Amino acid sequence: MWAGTFVAPWDYRAGAGSASEPAASDGCVIKGNISSSGERIYHVPGGQYYDRTIIDEAAGERWFCTEAEAVAAGWRKAKR
């Protein structure tokens, strides 16, 4: 009756339990995020805000496979 997976609260708060973010396609793990001011910023795994960043593809945000791909598309690397 109570079958399923459990996400620990600290993992959920870190974004691991978020069902609203689509999974990275084709193993591409760099997150292209658009800030509230419209700036296009990409986040790499291990970056300070990587786990908190949620990609909304409907808003124009996207995944990148390489940093070179992100830069070529006009995005800048996160400062932290």
C-alpha atoms as a PDB file:
ATOM      1  CA  MET A   1       0.000   0.000   0.000  1.00  0.00           C
ATOM      2  CA  TRP A   2       2.777   2.485   0.845  1.00  0.00           C
ATOM      3  CA  ALA A   3       5.162   1.515  -1.942  1.00  0.00           C
ATOM      4  CA  GLY A   4       7.264   4.161  -3.604  1.00  0.00           C
ATOM      5  CA  THR A   5      10.464   6.065  -3.290  1.00  0.00           C
ATOM      6  CA  PHE A   6      11.349   8.372  -0.444  1.00  0.00           C
ATOM      7  CA  VAL A   7      13.287  11.585  -0.876  1.00  0.00           C
ATOM      8  CA  ALA A   8      14.965  12.789   2.293  1.00  0.00           C
ATOM      9  CA  PRO A   9      13.885  16.330   3.278  1.00  0.00           C
ATOM     10  CA  TRP A  10      17.413  17.738   2.853  1.00  0.00           C
ATOM     11  CA  ASP A  11      17.605  16.238  -0.644  1.00  0.00           C
ATOM     12  CA  TYR A  12      14.163  17.593  -1.530  1.00  0.00           C
ATOM     13  CA  ARG A  13      15.128  21.103  -0.389  1.00  0.00           C
ATOM     14  CA  ALA A  14      18.323  20.844  -2.454  1.00  0.00           C
ATOM     15  CA  GLY A  15      16.194  20.136  -5.522  1.00  0.00           C
ATOM     16  CA  ALA A  16      16.662  16.387  -5.781  1.00  0.00           C
ATOM     17  CA  GLY A  17      12.971  15.759  -5.190  1.00  0.00           C
ATOM     18  CA  SER A  18      11.611  18.295  -7.604  1.00  0.00           C
ATOM     19  CA  ALA A  19       9.338  16.749 -10.186  1.00  0.00           C
ATOM     20  CA  SER A  20       8.828  20.061 -11.990  1.00  0.00           C
ATOM     21  CA  GLU A  21      12.245  20.069 -13.639  1.00  0.00           C
ATOM     22  CA  PRO A  22      12.637  18.001 -16.786  1.00  0.00           C
ATOM     23  CA  ALA A  23      15.525  15.595 -16.791  1.00  0.00           C
ATOM     24  CA  ALA A  24      18.673  16.517 -18.672  1.00  0.00           C
ATOM     25  CA  SER A  25      18.405  15.147 -22.162  1.00  0.00           C
ATOM     26  CA  ASP A  26      21.171  13.099 -23.751  1.00  0.00           C
ATOM     27  CA  GLY A  27      23.346  13.332 -20.640  1.00  0.00           C
ATOM     28  CA  CYS A  28      23.756  17.103 -20.976  1.00  0.00           C
ATOM     29  CA  VAL A  29      24.097  18.431 -17.431  1.00  0.00           C
ATOM     30  CA  ILE A  30      24.880  22.139 -17.833  1.00  0.00           C
ATOM     31  CA  LYS A  31      21.842  24.231 -16.882  1.00  0.00           C
ATOM     32  CA  GLY A  32      21.039  27.326 -18.935  1.00  0.00           C
ATOM     33  CA  ASN A  33      18.982  29.624 -16.732  1.00  0.00           C
ATOM     34  CA  ILE A  34      17.439  33.026 -17.495  1.00  0.00           C
ATOM     35  CA  SER A  35      17.605  35.460 -14.578  1.00  0.00           C
ATOM     36  CA  SER A  36      14.739  37.732 -13.576  1.00  0.00           C
ATOM     37  CA  SER A  37      16.510  40.570 -15.402  1.00  0.00           C
ATOM     38  CA  GLY A  38      16.714  38.463 -18.587  1.00  0.00           C
ATOM     39  CA  GLU A  39      20.411  37.606 -18.342  1.00  0.00           C
ATOM     40  CA  ARG A  40      21.309  34.169 -19.739  1.00  0.00           C
ATOM     41  CA  ILE A  41      23.540  32.307 -17.276  1.00  0.00           C
ATOM     42  CA  TYR A  42      24.749  28.718 -17.328  1.00  0.00           C
ATOM     43  CA  HIS A  43      25.515  26.605 -14.270  1.00  0.00           C
ATOM     44  CA  VAL A  44      27.912  23.659 -14.188  1.00  0.00           C
ATOM     45  CA  PRO A  45      27.691  20.713 -11.762  1.00  0.00           C
ATOM     46  CA  GLY A  46      29.426  21.592  -8.513  1.00  0.00           C
ATOM     47  CA  GLY A  47      28.640  25.303  -8.835  1.00  0.00           C
ATOM     48  CA  GLN A  48      27.156  27.064  -5.804  1.00  0.00           C
ATOM     49  CA  TYR A  49      23.662  27.409  -7.282  1.00  0.00           C
ATOM     50  CA  TYR A  50      23.609  24.376  -9.588  1.00  0.00           C
ATOM     51  CA  ASP A  51      21.388  22.242  -7.342  1.00  0.00           C
ATOM     52  CA  ARG A  52      18.963  25.123  -6.727  1.00  0.00           C
ATOM     53  CA  THR A  53      18.643  26.023 -10.398  1.00  0.00           C
ATOM     54  CA  ILE A  54      15.528  24.607 -12.031  1.00  0.00           C
ATOM     55  CA  ILE A  55      15.195  24.628 -15.798  1.00  0.00           C
ATOM     56  CA  ASP A  56      11.902  25.830 -17.268  1.00  0.00           C
ATOM     57  CA  GLU A  57      12.110  24.985 -20.954  1.00  0.00           C
ATOM     58  CA  ALA A  58       8.795  26.761 -21.605  1.00  0.00           C
ATOM     59  CA  ALA A  59      10.477  30.017 -20.491  1.00  0.00           C
ATOM     60  CA  GLY A  60      13.399  29.533 -22.885  1.00  0.00           C
ATOM     61  CA  GLU A  61      15.778  27.917 -20.417  1.00  0.00           C
ATOM     62  CA  ARG A  62      17.709  24.892 -21.621  1.00  0.00           C
ATOM     63  CA  TRP A  63      20.338  22.225 -21.108  1.00  0.00           C
ATOM     64  CA  PHE A  64      23.829  22.312 -22.634  1.00  0.00           C
ATOM     65  CA  CYS A  65      26.278  19.461 -23.162  1.00  0.00           C
ATOM     66  CA  THR A  66      29.430  21.596 -23.076  1.00  0.00           C
ATOM     67  CA  GLU A  67      30.448  25.011 -21.826  1.00  0.00           C
ATOM     68  CA  ALA A  68      31.575  25.874 -25.361  1.00  0.00           C
ATOM     69  CA  GLU A  69      28.037  25.177 -26.592  1.00  0.00           C
ATOM     70  CA  ALA A  70      26.586  27.482 -23.916  1.00  0.00           C
ATOM     71  CA  VAL A  71      29.014  30.294 -24.730  1.00  0.00           C
ATOM     72  CA  ALA A  72      28.388  29.914 -28.472  1.00  0.00           C
ATOM     73  CA  ALA A  73      24.649  30.268 -27.784  1.00  0.00           C
ATOM     74  CA  GLY A  74      25.274  33.573 -25.961  1.00  0.00           C
ATOM     75  CA  TRP A  75      25.121  32.443 -22.326  1.00  0.00           C
ATOM     76  CA  ARG A  76      27.695  33.371 -19.659  1.00  0.00           C
ATOM     77  CA  LYS A  77      29.049  31.227 -16.847  1.00  0.00           C
ATOM     78  CA  ALA A  78      27.683  31.761 -13.345  1.00  0.00           C
ATOM     79  CA  LYS A  79      30.072  33.734 -11.157  1.00  0.00           C
ATOM     80  CA  ARG A  80      29.761  31.251  -8.289  1.00  0.00           C
END
